Amino acid sequence: MVMMRGRDSEPIELRPGSGVREAAHAAEVEQWAWRRVRALRLFYSHLTVYVVINFVLFMIDSTTPGPMWFYAPLVGWGLLLCLHALHAYEMLPWTTQDWEQRKVRELVEKRRRH
């Protein structure tokens, strides 16, 4: 396979080998890192909204008469936030994008060994 690097450069030939594999692996790792950063950014945004909104709910509840009710949204939303954190920090492996691919590779390797 011949690839051109720009308009005026000499063509270079890329052959399958360790250099190509290393470049592919580096690209795969970079894609994973970008997905991870996006997931963490979304989680931090979610956490910020959770804190701000629940503070406002607490202020409203503490200034109005009647029984305390802000615990219900605090706990319910907090459980969803915990799930979001587990997903963002990849503690729930089946929720990641490449889980199926990794699992297939794992099963194929296991089958080849036996």
PDB file of N, CA and C in Angstrom:
ATOM      1  N   MET A   1       0.846  -1.155   0.000  1.00  0.00           N
ATOM      2  CA  MET A   1       0.000   0.000   0.000  1.00  0.00           C
ATOM      3  C   MET A   1       0.903   1.232   0.000  1.00  0.00           C
ATOM      4  N   VAL A   2       0.650   2.166  -0.881  1.00  0.00           N
ATOM      5  CA  VAL A   2       1.450   3.378  -0.969  1.00  0.00           C
ATOM      6  C   VAL A   2       0.609   4.540  -0.467  1.00  0.00           C
ATOM      7  N   MET A   3       1.171   5.312   0.432  1.00  0.00           N
ATOM      8  CA  MET A   3       0.486   6.466   1.003  1.00  0.00           C
ATOM      9  C   MET A   3       1.285   7.716   0.648  1.00  0.00           C
ATOM     10  N   MET A   4       0.605   8.805   0.395  1.00  0.00           N
ATOM     11  CA  MET A   4       1.266  10.075   0.098  1.00  0.00           C
ATOM     12  C   MET A   4       1.182  10.972   1.312  1.00  0.00           C
ATOM     13  N   ARG A   5       2.282  11.597   1.649  1.00  0.00           N
ATOM     14  CA  ARG A   5       2.317  12.550   2.758  1.00  0.00           C
ATOM     15  C   ARG A   5       2.349  13.955   2.197  1.00  0.00           C
ATOM     16  N   GLY A   6       1.237  14.499   1.894  1.00  0.00           N
ATOM     17  CA  GLY A   6       1.213  15.850   1.358  1.00  0.00           C
ATOM     18  C   GLY A   6       1.436  15.858  -0.136  1.00  0.00           C
ATOM     19  N   ARG A   7       1.447  17.027  -0.715  1.00  0.00           N
ATOM     20  CA  ARG A   7       1.510  17.180  -2.159  1.00  0.00           C
ATOM     21  C   ARG A   7       2.903  16.955  -2.733  1.00  0.00           C
ATOM     22  N   ASP A   8       3.932  17.461  -2.084  1.00  0.00           N
ATOM     23  CA  ASP A   8       5.269  17.446  -2.681  1.00  0.00           C
ATOM     24  C   ASP A   8       6.220  16.435  -2.069  1.00  0.00           C
ATOM     25  N   SER A   9       5.758  15.580  -1.206  1.00  0.00           N
ATOM     26  CA  SER A   9       6.675  14.650  -0.562  1.00  0.00           C
ATOM     27  C   SER A   9       6.763  13.348  -1.350  1.00  0.00           C
ATOM     28  N   GLU A  10       7.780  12.610  -1.037  1.00  0.00           N
ATOM     29  CA  GLU A  10       7.992  11.322  -1.688  1.00  0.00           C
ATOM     30  C   GLU A  10       6.984  10.317  -1.144  1.00  0.00           C
ATOM     31  N   PRO A  11       6.484   9.415  -1.991  1.00  0.00           N
ATOM     32  CA  PRO A  11       5.588   8.380  -1.483  1.00  0.00           C
ATOM     33  C   PRO A  11       6.354   7.440  -0.553  1.00  0.00           C
ATOM     34  N   ILE A  12       5.688   6.995   0.476  1.00  0.00           N
ATOM     35  CA  ILE A  12       6.302   6.021   1.370  1.00  0.00           C
ATOM     36  C   ILE A  12       5.451   4.767   1.344  1.00  0.00           C
ATOM     37  N   GLU A  13       6.095   3.671   1.499  1.00  0.00           N
ATOM     38  CA  GLU A  13       5.382   2.401   1.490  1.00  0.00           C
ATOM     39  C   GLU A  13       5.265   1.909   2.916  1.00  0.00           C
ATOM     40  N   LEU A  14       4.037   1.633   3.312  1.00  0.00           N
ATOM     41  CA  LEU A  14       3.792   1.103   4.644  1.00  0.00           C
ATOM     42  C   LEU A  14       3.528  -0.387   4.533  1.00  0.00           C
ATOM     43  N   ARG A  15       4.313  -1.143   5.233  1.00  0.00           N
ATOM     44  CA  ARG A  15       4.117  -2.586   5.243  1.00  0.00           C
ATOM     45  C   ARG A  15       3.620  -2.997   6.616  1.00  0.00           C
ATOM     46  N   PRO A  16       2.767  -4.011   6.644  1.00  0.00           N
ATOM     47  CA  PRO A  16       2.321  -4.485   7.947  1.00  0.00           C
ATOM     48  C   PRO A  16       3.523  -4.893   8.787  1.00  0.00           C
ATOM     49  N   GLY A  17       3.537  -4.450   9.993  1.00  0.00           N
ATOM     50  CA  GLY A  17       4.643  -4.758  10.893  1.00  0.00           C
ATOM     51  C   GLY A  17       4.436  -4.066  12.210  1.00  0.00           C
ATOM     52  N   SER A  18       5.484  -4.053  12.975  1.00  0.00           N
ATOM     53  CA  SER A  18       5.357  -3.506  14.322  1.00  0.00           C
ATOM     54  C   SER A  18       5.057  -2.015  14.305  1.00  0.00           C
ATOM     55  N   GLY A  19       5.585  -1.257  13.365  1.00  0.00           N
ATOM     56  CA  GLY A  19       5.326   0.177  13.318  1.00  0.00           C
ATOM     57  C   GLY A  19       3.870   0.486  13.060  1.00  0.00           C
ATOM     58  N   VAL A  20       3.259  -0.250  12.152  1.00  0.00           N
ATOM     59  CA  VAL A  20       1.846  -0.044  11.839  1.00  0.00           C
ATOM     60  C   VAL A  20       0.987  -0.473  13.025  1.00  0.00           C
ATOM     61  N   ARG A  21       1.349  -1.606  13.620  1.00  0.00           N
ATOM     62  CA  ARG A  21       0.602  -2.080  14.785  1.00  0.00           C
ATOM     63  C   ARG A  21       0.701  -1.099  15.944  1.00  0.00           C
ATOM     64  N   GLU A  22       1.879  -0.558  16.161  1.00  0.00           N
ATOM     65  CA  GLU A  22       2.064   0.421  17.244  1.00  0.00           C
ATOM     66  C   GLU A  22       1.251   1.681  16.980  1.00  0.00           C
ATOM     67  N   ALA A  23       1.221   2.133  15.722  1.00  0.00           N
ATOM     68  CA  ALA A  23       0.439   3.317  15.377  1.00  0.00           C
ATOM     69  C   ALA A  23      -1.055   3.058  15.565  1.00  0.00           C
ATOM     70  N   ALA A  24      -1.505   1.874  15.177  1.00  0.00           N
ATOM     71  CA  ALA A  24      -2.917   1.525  15.355  1.00  0.00           C
ATOM     72  C   ALA A  24      -3.260   1.438  16.838  1.00  0.00           C
ATOM     73  N   HIS A  25      -2.363   0.866  17.608  1.00  0.00           N
ATOM     74  CA  HIS A  25      -2.601   0.768  19.053  1.00  0.00           C
ATOM     75  C   HIS A  25      -2.625   2.154  19.694  1.00  0.00           C
ATOM     76  N   ALA A  26      -1.718   3.020  19.282  1.00  0.00           N
ATOM     77  CA  ALA A  26      -1.687   4.385  19.816  1.00  0.00           C
ATOM     78  C   ALA A  26      -2.979   5.126  19.476  1.00  0.00           C
ATOM     79  N   ALA A  27      -3.485   4.946  18.257  1.00  0.00           N
ATOM     80  CA  ALA A  27      -4.747   5.594  17.862  1.00  0.00           C
ATOM     81  C   ALA A  27      -5.910   5.045  18.675  1.00  0.00           C
ATOM     82  N   GLU A  28      -5.911   3.750  18.921  1.00  0.00           N
ATOM     83  CA  GLU A  28      -6.973   3.133  19.717  1.00  0.00           C
ATOM     84  C   GLU A  28      -6.946   3.646  21.156  1.00  0.00           C
ATOM     85  N   VAL A  29      -5.755   3.772  21.722  1.00  0.00           N
ATOM     86  CA  VAL A  29      -5.626   4.277  23.086  1.00  0.00           C
ATOM     87  C   VAL A  29      -6.077   5.733  23.160  1.00  0.00           C
ATOM     88  N   GLU A  30      -5.743   6.526  22.147  1.00  0.00           N
ATOM     89  CA  GLU A  30      -6.166   7.925  22.144  1.00  0.00           C
ATOM     90  C   GLU A  30      -7.690   8.041  22.045  1.00  0.00           C
ATOM     91  N   GLN A  31      -8.323   7.211  21.223  1.00  0.00           N
ATOM     92  CA  GLN A  31      -9.786   7.224  21.134  1.00  0.00           C
ATOM     93  C   GLN A  31     -10.404   6.865  22.474  1.00  0.00           C
ATOM     94  N   TRP A  32      -9.841   5.855  23.152  1.00  0.00           N
ATOM     95  CA  TRP A  32     -10.336   5.464  24.463  1.00  0.00           C
ATOM     96  C   TRP A  32     -10.204   6.634  25.445  1.00  0.00           C
ATOM     97  N   ALA A  33      -9.054   7.319  25.413  1.00  0.00           N
ATOM     98  CA  ALA A  33      -8.830   8.436  26.329  1.00  0.00           C
ATOM     99  C   ALA A  33      -9.828   9.564  26.077  1.00  0.00           C
ATOM    100  N   TRP A  34     -10.109   9.872  24.809  1.00  0.00           N
ATOM    101  CA  TRP A  34     -11.091  10.923  24.504  1.00  0.00           C
ATOM    102  C   TRP A  34     -12.478  10.534  24.999  1.00  0.00           C
ATOM    103  N   ARG A  35     -12.874   9.269  24.804  1.00  0.00           N
ATOM    104  CA  ARG A  35     -14.180   8.816  25.300  1.00  0.00           C
ATOM    105  C   ARG A  35     -14.241   8.924  26.818  1.00  0.00           C
ATOM    106  N   ARG A  36     -13.148   8.550  27.460  1.00  0.00           N
ATOM    107  CA  ARG A  36     -13.098   8.608  28.922  1.00  0.00           C
ATOM    108  C   ARG A  36     -13.199  10.040  29.421  1.00  0.00           C
ATOM    109  N   VAL A  37     -12.489  10.968  28.786  1.00  0.00           N
ATOM    110  CA  VAL A  37     -12.528  12.379  29.177  1.00  0.00           C
ATOM    111  C   VAL A  37     -13.937  12.940  29.002  1.00  0.00           C
ATOM    112  N   ARG A  38     -14.591  12.606  27.894  1.00  0.00           N
ATOM    113  CA  ARG A  38     -15.975  13.073  27.682  1.00  0.00           C
ATOM    114  C   ARG A  38     -16.902  12.530  28.761  1.00  0.00           C
ATOM    115  N   ALA A  39     -16.755  11.253  29.091  1.00  0.00           N
ATOM    116  CA  ALA A  39     -17.601  10.647  30.122  1.00  0.00           C
ATOM    117  C   ALA A  39     -17.366  11.312  31.473  1.00  0.00           C
ATOM    118  N   LEU A  40     -16.122  11.596  31.806  1.00  0.00           N
ATOM    119  CA  LEU A  40     -15.827  12.263  33.074  1.00  0.00           C
ATOM    120  C   LEU A  40     -16.361  13.689  33.095  1.00  0.00           C
ATOM    121  N   ARG A  41     -16.221  14.407  31.969  1.00  0.00           N
ATOM    122  CA  ARG A  41     -16.743  15.773  31.907  1.00  0.00           C
ATOM    123  C   ARG A  41     -18.251  15.783  32.115  1.00  0.00           C
ATOM    124  N   LEU A  42     -18.959  14.862  31.481  1.00  0.00           N
ATOM    125  CA  LEU A  42     -20.411  14.775  31.662  1.00  0.00           C
ATOM    126  C   LEU A  42     -20.773  14.432  33.107  1.00  0.00           C
ATOM    127  N   PHE A  43     -20.000  13.539  33.709  1.00  0.00           N
ATOM    128  CA  PHE A  43     -20.261  13.201  35.113  1.00  0.00           C
ATOM    129  C   PHE A  43     -20.040  14.409  36.010  1.00  0.00           C
ATOM    130  N   TYR A  44     -18.962  15.143  35.818  1.00  0.00           N
ATOM    131  CA  TYR A  44     -18.696  16.323  36.648  1.00  0.00           C
ATOM    132  C   TYR A  44     -19.778  17.382  36.461  1.00  0.00           C
ATOM    133  N   SER A  45     -20.265  17.531  35.244  1.00  0.00           N
ATOM    134  CA  SER A  45     -21.369  18.462  35.008  1.00  0.00           C
ATOM    135  C   SER A  45     -22.622  18.002  35.746  1.00  0.00           C
ATOM    136  N   HIS A  46     -22.909  16.712  35.671  1.00  0.00           N
ATOM    137  CA  HIS A  46     -24.060  16.140  36.356  1.00  0.00           C
ATOM    138  C   HIS A  46     -23.925  16.342  37.865  1.00  0.00           C
ATOM    139  N   LEU A  47     -22.739  16.105  38.398  1.00  0.00           N
ATOM    140  CA  LEU A  47     -22.499  16.282  39.830  1.00  0.00           C
ATOM    141  C   LEU A  47     -22.709  17.736  40.256  1.00  0.00           C
ATOM    142  N   THR A  48     -22.241  18.673  39.446  1.00  0.00           N
ATOM    143  CA  THR A  48     -22.414  20.094  39.752  1.00  0.00           C
ATOM    144  C   THR A  48     -23.883  20.472  39.782  1.00  0.00           C
ATOM    145  N   VAL A  49     -24.645  20.025  38.788  1.00  0.00           N
ATOM    146  CA  VAL A  49     -26.081  20.319  38.749  1.00  0.00           C
ATOM    147  C   VAL A  49     -26.774  19.690  39.953  1.00  0.00           C
ATOM    148  N   TYR A  50     -26.393  18.474  40.302  1.00  0.00           N
ATOM    149  CA  TYR A  50     -26.972  17.782  41.459  1.00  0.00           C
ATOM    150  C   TYR A  50     -26.774  18.591  42.741  1.00  0.00           C
ATOM    151  N   VAL A  51     -25.548  19.045  42.961  1.00  0.00           N
ATOM    152  CA  VAL A  51     -25.249  19.803  44.186  1.00  0.00           C
ATOM    153  C   VAL A  51     -26.026  21.117  44.211  1.00  0.00           C
ATOM    154  N   VAL A  52     -26.005  21.855  43.113  1.00  0.00           N
ATOM    155  CA  VAL A  52     -26.676  23.159  43.074  1.00  0.00           C
ATOM    156  C   VAL A  52     -28.181  23.005  43.262  1.00  0.00           C
ATOM    157  N   ILE A  53     -28.796  22.116  42.508  1.00  0.00           N
ATOM    158  CA  ILE A  53     -30.253  21.947  42.574  1.00  0.00           C
ATOM    159  C   ILE A  53     -30.678  21.442  43.954  1.00  0.00           C
ATOM    160  N   ASN A  54     -29.936  20.500  44.504  1.00  0.00           N
ATOM    161  CA  ASN A  54     -30.327  19.981  45.814  1.00  0.00           C
ATOM    162  C   ASN A  54     -30.095  21.010  46.913  1.00  0.00           C
ATOM    163  N   PHE A  55     -29.127  21.878  46.759  1.00  0.00           N
ATOM    164  CA  PHE A  55     -28.964  22.978  47.710  1.00  0.00           C
ATOM    165  C   PHE A  55     -30.169  23.917  47.647  1.00  0.00           C
ATOM    166  N   VAL A  56     -30.607  24.229  46.426  1.00  0.00           N
ATOM    167  CA  VAL A  56     -31.793  25.086  46.261  1.00  0.00           C
ATOM    168  C   VAL A  56     -33.020  24.412  46.860  1.00  0.00           C
ATOM    169  N   LEU A  57     -33.181  23.107  46.621  1.00  0.00           N
ATOM    170  CA  LEU A  57     -34.321  22.379  47.194  1.00  0.00           C
ATOM    171  C   LEU A  57     -34.261  22.381  48.722  1.00  0.00           C
ATOM    172  N   PHE A  58     -33.071  22.223  49.264  1.00  0.00           N
ATOM    173  CA  PHE A  58     -32.916  22.274  50.715  1.00  0.00           C
ATOM    174  C   PHE A  58     -33.303  23.647  51.257  1.00  0.00           C
ATOM    175  N   MET A  59     -32.861  24.699  50.586  1.00  0.00           N
ATOM    176  CA  MET A  59     -33.195  26.061  51.022  1.00  0.00           C
ATOM    177  C   MET A  59     -34.712  26.299  50.971  1.00  0.00           C
ATOM    178  N   ILE A  60     -35.329  25.834  49.905  1.00  0.00           N
ATOM    179  CA  ILE A  60     -36.789  25.985  49.789  1.00  0.00           C
ATOM    180  C   ILE A  60     -37.480  25.201  50.895  1.00  0.00           C
ATOM    181  N   ASP A  61     -37.052  23.961  51.103  1.00  0.00           N
ATOM    182  CA  ASP A  61     -37.690  23.111  52.110  1.00  0.00           C
ATOM    183  C   ASP A  61     -37.474  23.653  53.522  1.00  0.00           C
ATOM    184  N   SER A  62     -36.305  24.182  53.792  1.00  0.00           N
ATOM    185  CA  SER A  62     -36.037  24.666  55.147  1.00  0.00           C
ATOM    186  C   SER A  62     -36.758  25.981  55.459  1.00  0.00           C
ATOM    187  N   THR A  63     -37.177  26.702  54.433  1.00  0.00           N
ATOM    188  CA  THR A  63     -37.872  27.978  54.671  1.00  0.00           C
ATOM    189  C   THR A  63     -39.391  27.863  54.571  1.00  0.00           C
ATOM    190  N   THR A  64     -39.904  26.708  54.244  1.00  0.00           N
ATOM    191  CA  THR A  64     -41.354  26.522  54.153  1.00  0.00           C
ATOM    192  C   THR A  64     -41.825  25.626  55.289  1.00  0.00           C
ATOM    193  N   PRO A  65     -43.047  25.838  55.768  1.00  0.00           N
ATOM    194  CA  PRO A  65     -43.554  24.994  56.855  1.00  0.00           C
ATOM    195  C   PRO A  65     -43.917  23.601  56.343  1.00  0.00           C
ATOM    196  N   GLY A  66     -43.982  22.683  57.259  1.00  0.00           N
ATOM    197  CA  GLY A  66     -44.375  21.319  56.911  1.00  0.00           C
ATOM    198  C   GLY A  66     -43.209  20.357  57.076  1.00  0.00           C
ATOM    199  N   PRO A  67     -43.491  19.092  56.809  1.00  0.00           N
ATOM    200  CA  PRO A  67     -42.430  18.093  56.970  1.00  0.00           C
ATOM    201  C   PRO A  67     -41.320  18.266  55.920  1.00  0.00           C
ATOM    202  N   MET A  68     -40.145  17.778  56.277  1.00  0.00           N
ATOM    203  CA  MET A  68     -39.005  17.854  55.349  1.00  0.00           C
ATOM    204  C   MET A  68     -39.236  16.889  54.184  1.00  0.00           C
ATOM    205  N   TRP A  69     -39.092  17.369  52.962  1.00  0.00           N
ATOM    206  CA  TRP A  69     -39.341  16.542  51.782  1.00  0.00           C
ATOM    207  C   TRP A  69     -38.143  16.488  50.836  1.00  0.00           C
ATOM    208  N   PHE A  70     -37.122  17.297  51.067  1.00  0.00           N
ATOM    209  CA  PHE A  70     -36.020  17.366  50.106  1.00  0.00           C
ATOM    210  C   PHE A  70     -35.177  16.091  50.092  1.00  0.00           C
ATOM    211  N   TYR A  71     -35.347  15.221  51.109  1.00  0.00           N
ATOM    212  CA  TYR A  71     -34.581  13.975  51.145  1.00  0.00           C
ATOM    213  C   TYR A  71     -34.915  13.053  49.974  1.00  0.00           C
ATOM    214  N   ALA A  72     -36.177  13.046  49.565  1.00  0.00           N
ATOM    215  CA  ALA A  72     -36.597  12.131  48.494  1.00  0.00           C
ATOM    216  C   ALA A  72     -35.849  12.407  47.188  1.00  0.00           C
ATOM    217  N   PRO A  73     -35.854  13.646  46.664  1.00  0.00           N
ATOM    218  CA  PRO A  73     -35.086  13.868  45.441  1.00  0.00           C
ATOM    219  C   PRO A  73     -33.575  13.728  45.658  1.00  0.00           C
ATOM    220  N   LEU A  74     -33.110  14.072  46.864  1.00  0.00           N
ATOM    221  CA  LEU A  74     -31.682  13.952  47.163  1.00  0.00           C
ATOM    222  C   LEU A  74     -31.229  12.499  47.051  1.00  0.00           C
ATOM    223  N   VAL A  75     -31.978  11.593  47.648  1.00  0.00           N
ATOM    224  CA  VAL A  75     -31.612  10.176  47.641  1.00  0.00           C
ATOM    225  C   VAL A  75     -31.842   9.557  46.263  1.00  0.00           C
ATOM    226  N   GLY A  76     -33.014   9.815  45.658  1.00  0.00           N
ATOM    227  CA  GLY A  76     -33.313   9.235  44.349  1.00  0.00           C
ATOM    228  C   GLY A  76     -32.322   9.660  43.281  1.00  0.00           C
ATOM    229  N   TRP A  77     -32.093  10.953  43.193  1.00  0.00           N
ATOM    230  CA  TRP A  77     -31.158  11.471  42.208  1.00  0.00           C
ATOM    231  C   TRP A  77     -29.732  11.048  42.559  1.00  0.00           C
ATOM    232  N   GLY A  78     -29.443  10.937  43.845  1.00  0.00           N
ATOM    233  CA  GLY A  78     -28.109  10.505  44.283  1.00  0.00           C
ATOM    234  C   GLY A  78     -27.791   9.091  43.825  1.00  0.00           C
ATOM    235  N   LEU A  79     -28.795   8.216  43.839  1.00  0.00           N
ATOM    236  CA  LEU A  79     -28.583   6.848  43.348  1.00  0.00           C
ATOM    237  C   LEU A  79     -28.268   6.849  41.854  1.00  0.00           C
ATOM    238  N   LEU A  80     -28.995   7.664  41.095  1.00  0.00           N
ATOM    239  CA  LEU A  80     -28.701   7.772  39.659  1.00  0.00           C
ATOM    240  C   LEU A  80     -27.317   8.363  39.427  1.00  0.00           C
ATOM    241  N   LEU A  81     -26.923   9.318  40.261  1.00  0.00           N
ATOM    242  CA  LEU A  81     -25.595   9.913  40.153  1.00  0.00           C
ATOM    243  C   LEU A  81     -24.512   8.875  40.449  1.00  0.00           C
ATOM    244  N   CYS A  82     -24.776   7.999  41.407  1.00  0.00           N
ATOM    245  CA  CYS A  82     -23.824   6.919  41.698  1.00  0.00           C
ATOM    246  C   CYS A  82     -23.645   5.993  40.494  1.00  0.00           C
ATOM    247  N   LEU A  83     -24.747   5.656  39.836  1.00  0.00           N
ATOM    248  CA  LEU A  83     -24.645   4.833  38.619  1.00  0.00           C
ATOM    249  C   LEU A  83     -23.850   5.558  37.535  1.00  0.00           C
ATOM    250  N   HIS A  84     -24.078   6.860  37.402  1.00  0.00           N
ATOM    251  CA  HIS A  84     -23.345   7.644  36.424  1.00  0.00           C
ATOM    252  C   HIS A  84     -21.847   7.637  36.759  1.00  0.00           C
ATOM    253  N   ALA A  85     -21.514   7.753  38.039  1.00  0.00           N
ATOM    254  CA  ALA A  85     -20.108   7.716  38.457  1.00  0.00           C
ATOM    255  C   ALA A  85     -19.484   6.362  38.143  1.00  0.00           C
ATOM    256  N   LEU A  86     -20.201   5.291  38.436  1.00  0.00           N
ATOM    257  CA  LEU A  86     -19.680   3.954  38.135  1.00  0.00           C
ATOM    258  C   LEU A  86     -19.424   3.780  36.644  1.00  0.00           C
ATOM    259  N   HIS A  87     -20.302   4.327  35.831  1.00  0.00           N
ATOM    260  CA  HIS A  87     -20.105   4.272  34.381  1.00  0.00           C
ATOM    261  C   HIS A  87     -18.925   5.138  33.949  1.00  0.00           C
ATOM    262  N   ALA A  88     -18.839   6.354  34.473  1.00  0.00           N
ATOM    263  CA  ALA A  88     -17.776   7.287  34.075  1.00  0.00           C
ATOM    264  C   ALA A  88     -16.396   6.763  34.462  1.00  0.00           C
ATOM    265  N   TYR A  89     -16.300   6.101  35.598  1.00  0.00           N
ATOM    266  CA  TYR A  89     -15.010   5.570  36.050  1.00  0.00           C
ATOM    267  C   TYR A  89     -14.808   4.117  35.619  1.00  0.00           C
ATOM    268  N   GLU A  90     -15.634   3.657  34.682  1.00  0.00           N
ATOM    269  CA  GLU A  90     -15.545   2.321  34.085  1.00  0.00           C
ATOM    270  C   GLU A  90     -15.537   1.212  35.125  1.00  0.00           C
ATOM    271  N   MET A  91     -16.390   1.343  36.124  1.00  0.00           N
ATOM    272  CA  MET A  91     -16.525   0.298  37.135  1.00  0.00           C
ATOM    273  C   MET A  91     -17.662  -0.657  36.796  1.00  0.00           C
ATOM    274  N   LEU A  92     -18.425  -0.331  35.760  1.00  0.00           N
ATOM    275  CA  LEU A  92     -19.442  -1.229  35.216  1.00  0.00           C
ATOM    276  C   LEU A  92     -18.974  -1.605  33.813  1.00  0.00           C
ATOM    277  N   PRO A  93     -18.188  -2.672  33.689  1.00  0.00           N
ATOM    278  CA  PRO A  93     -17.536  -2.956  32.413  1.00  0.00           C
ATOM    279  C   PRO A  93     -18.480  -3.167  31.237  1.00  0.00           C
ATOM    280  N   TRP A  94     -19.673  -3.676  31.480  1.00  0.00           N
ATOM    281  CA  TRP A  94     -20.604  -3.945  30.381  1.00  0.00           C
ATOM    282  C   TRP A  94     -21.243  -2.680  29.828  1.00  0.00           C
ATOM    283  N   THR A  95     -20.964  -1.516  30.398  1.00  0.00           N
ATOM    284  CA  THR A  95     -21.524  -0.271  29.870  1.00  0.00           C
ATOM    285  C   THR A  95     -20.553   0.479  28.974  1.00  0.00           C
ATOM    286  N   THR A  96     -19.332  -0.015  28.837  1.00  0.00           N
ATOM    287  CA  THR A  96     -18.360   0.668  27.982  1.00  0.00           C
ATOM    288  C   THR A  96     -18.600   0.286  26.522  1.00  0.00           C
ATOM    289  N   GLN A  97     -18.169   1.158  25.607  1.00  0.00           N
ATOM    290  CA  GLN A  97     -18.440   0.952  24.187  1.00  0.00           C
ATOM    291  C   GLN A  97     -17.762  -0.284  23.619  1.00  0.00           C
ATOM    292  N   ASP A  98     -16.555  -0.570  24.042  1.00  0.00           N
ATOM    293  CA  ASP A  98     -15.830  -1.679  23.428  1.00  0.00           C
ATOM    294  C   ASP A  98     -15.926  -2.972  24.234  1.00  0.00           C
ATOM    295  N   TRP A  99     -16.871  -3.060  25.160  1.00  0.00           N
ATOM    296  CA  TRP A  99     -16.995  -4.249  25.989  1.00  0.00           C
ATOM    297  C   TRP A  99     -17.267  -5.498  25.153  1.00  0.00           C
ATOM    298  N   GLU A 100     -18.156  -5.398  24.178  1.00  0.00           N
ATOM    299  CA  GLU A 100     -18.487  -6.558  23.355  1.00  0.00           C
ATOM    300  C   GLU A 100     -17.261  -7.058  22.593  1.00  0.00           C
ATOM    301  N   GLN A 101     -16.491  -6.128  22.022  1.00  0.00           N
ATOM    302  CA  GLN A 101     -15.289  -6.523  21.293  1.00  0.00           C
ATOM    303  C   GLN A 101     -14.287  -7.211  22.215  1.00  0.00           C
ATOM    304  N   ARG A 102     -14.081  -6.636  23.396  1.00  0.00           N
ATOM    305  CA  ARG A 102     -13.140  -7.239  24.341  1.00  0.00           C
ATOM    306  C   ARG A 102     -13.624  -8.609  24.789  1.00  0.00           C
ATOM    307  N   LYS A 103     -14.910  -8.736  25.022  1.00  0.00           N
ATOM    308  CA  LYS A 103     -15.461 -10.011  25.470  1.00  0.00           C
ATOM    309  C   LYS A 103     -15.335 -11.076  24.379  1.00  0.00           C
ATOM    310  N   VAL A 104     -15.589 -10.697  23.124  1.00  0.00           N
ATOM    311  CA  VAL A 104     -15.438 -11.644  22.013  1.00  0.00           C
ATOM    312  C   VAL A 104     -13.984 -12.107  21.914  1.00  0.00           C
ATOM    313  N   ARG A 105     -13.040 -11.153  21.990  1.00  0.00           N
ATOM    314  CA  ARG A 105     -11.614 -11.523  21.943  1.00  0.00           C
ATOM    315  C   ARG A 105     -11.252 -12.469  23.084  1.00  0.00           C
ATOM    316  N   GLU A 106     -11.788 -12.170  24.273  1.00  0.00           N
ATOM    317  CA  GLU A 106     -11.516 -13.015  25.435  1.00  0.00           C
ATOM    318  C   GLU A 106     -12.042 -14.426  25.222  1.00  0.00           C
ATOM    319  N   LEU A 107     -13.265 -14.544  24.706  1.00  0.00           N
ATOM    320  CA  LEU A 107     -13.853 -15.862  24.474  1.00  0.00           C
ATOM    321  C   LEU A 107     -13.118 -16.626  23.378  1.00  0.00           C
ATOM    322  N   VAL A 108     -12.698 -15.928  22.318  1.00  0.00           N
ATOM    323  CA  VAL A 108     -11.949 -16.574  21.236  1.00  0.00           C
ATOM    324  C   VAL A 108     -10.614 -17.095  21.771  1.00  0.00           C
ATOM    325  N   GLU A 109      -9.914 -16.274  22.544  1.00  0.00           N
ATOM    326  CA  GLU A 109      -8.632 -16.700  23.118  1.00  0.00           C
ATOM    327  C   GLU A 109      -8.820 -17.904  24.048  1.00  0.00           C
ATOM    328  N   LYS A 110      -9.878 -17.882  24.831  1.00  0.00           N
ATOM    329  CA  LYS A 110     -10.162 -18.976  25.740  1.00  0.00           C
ATOM    330  C   LYS A 110     -10.438 -20.256  24.964  1.00  0.00           C
ATOM    331  N   ARG A 111     -11.202 -20.132  23.878  1.00  0.00           N
ATOM    332  CA  ARG A 111     -11.540 -21.292  23.044  1.00  0.00           C
ATOM    333  C   ARG A 111     -10.301 -21.851  22.351  1.00  0.00           C
ATOM    334  N   ARG A 112      -9.409 -20.981  21.902  1.00  0.00           N
ATOM    335  CA  ARG A 112      -8.177 -21.435  21.221  1.00  0.00           C
ATOM    336  C   ARG A 112      -7.266 -22.204  22.154  1.00  0.00           C
ATOM    337  N   ARG A 113      -7.242 -21.803  23.431  1.00  0.00           N
ATOM    338  CA  ARG A 113      -6.371 -22.469  24.392  1.00  0.00           C
ATOM    339  C   ARG A 113      -6.847 -23.885  24.700  1.00  0.00           C
ATOM    340  N   HIS A 114      -8.143 -24.131  24.570  1.00  0.00           N
ATOM    341  CA  HIS A 114      -8.688 -25.462  24.923  1.00  0.00           C
ATOM    342  C   HIS A 114      -8.877 -26.323  23.759  1.00  0.00           C
TER     343      HIS A 114
END
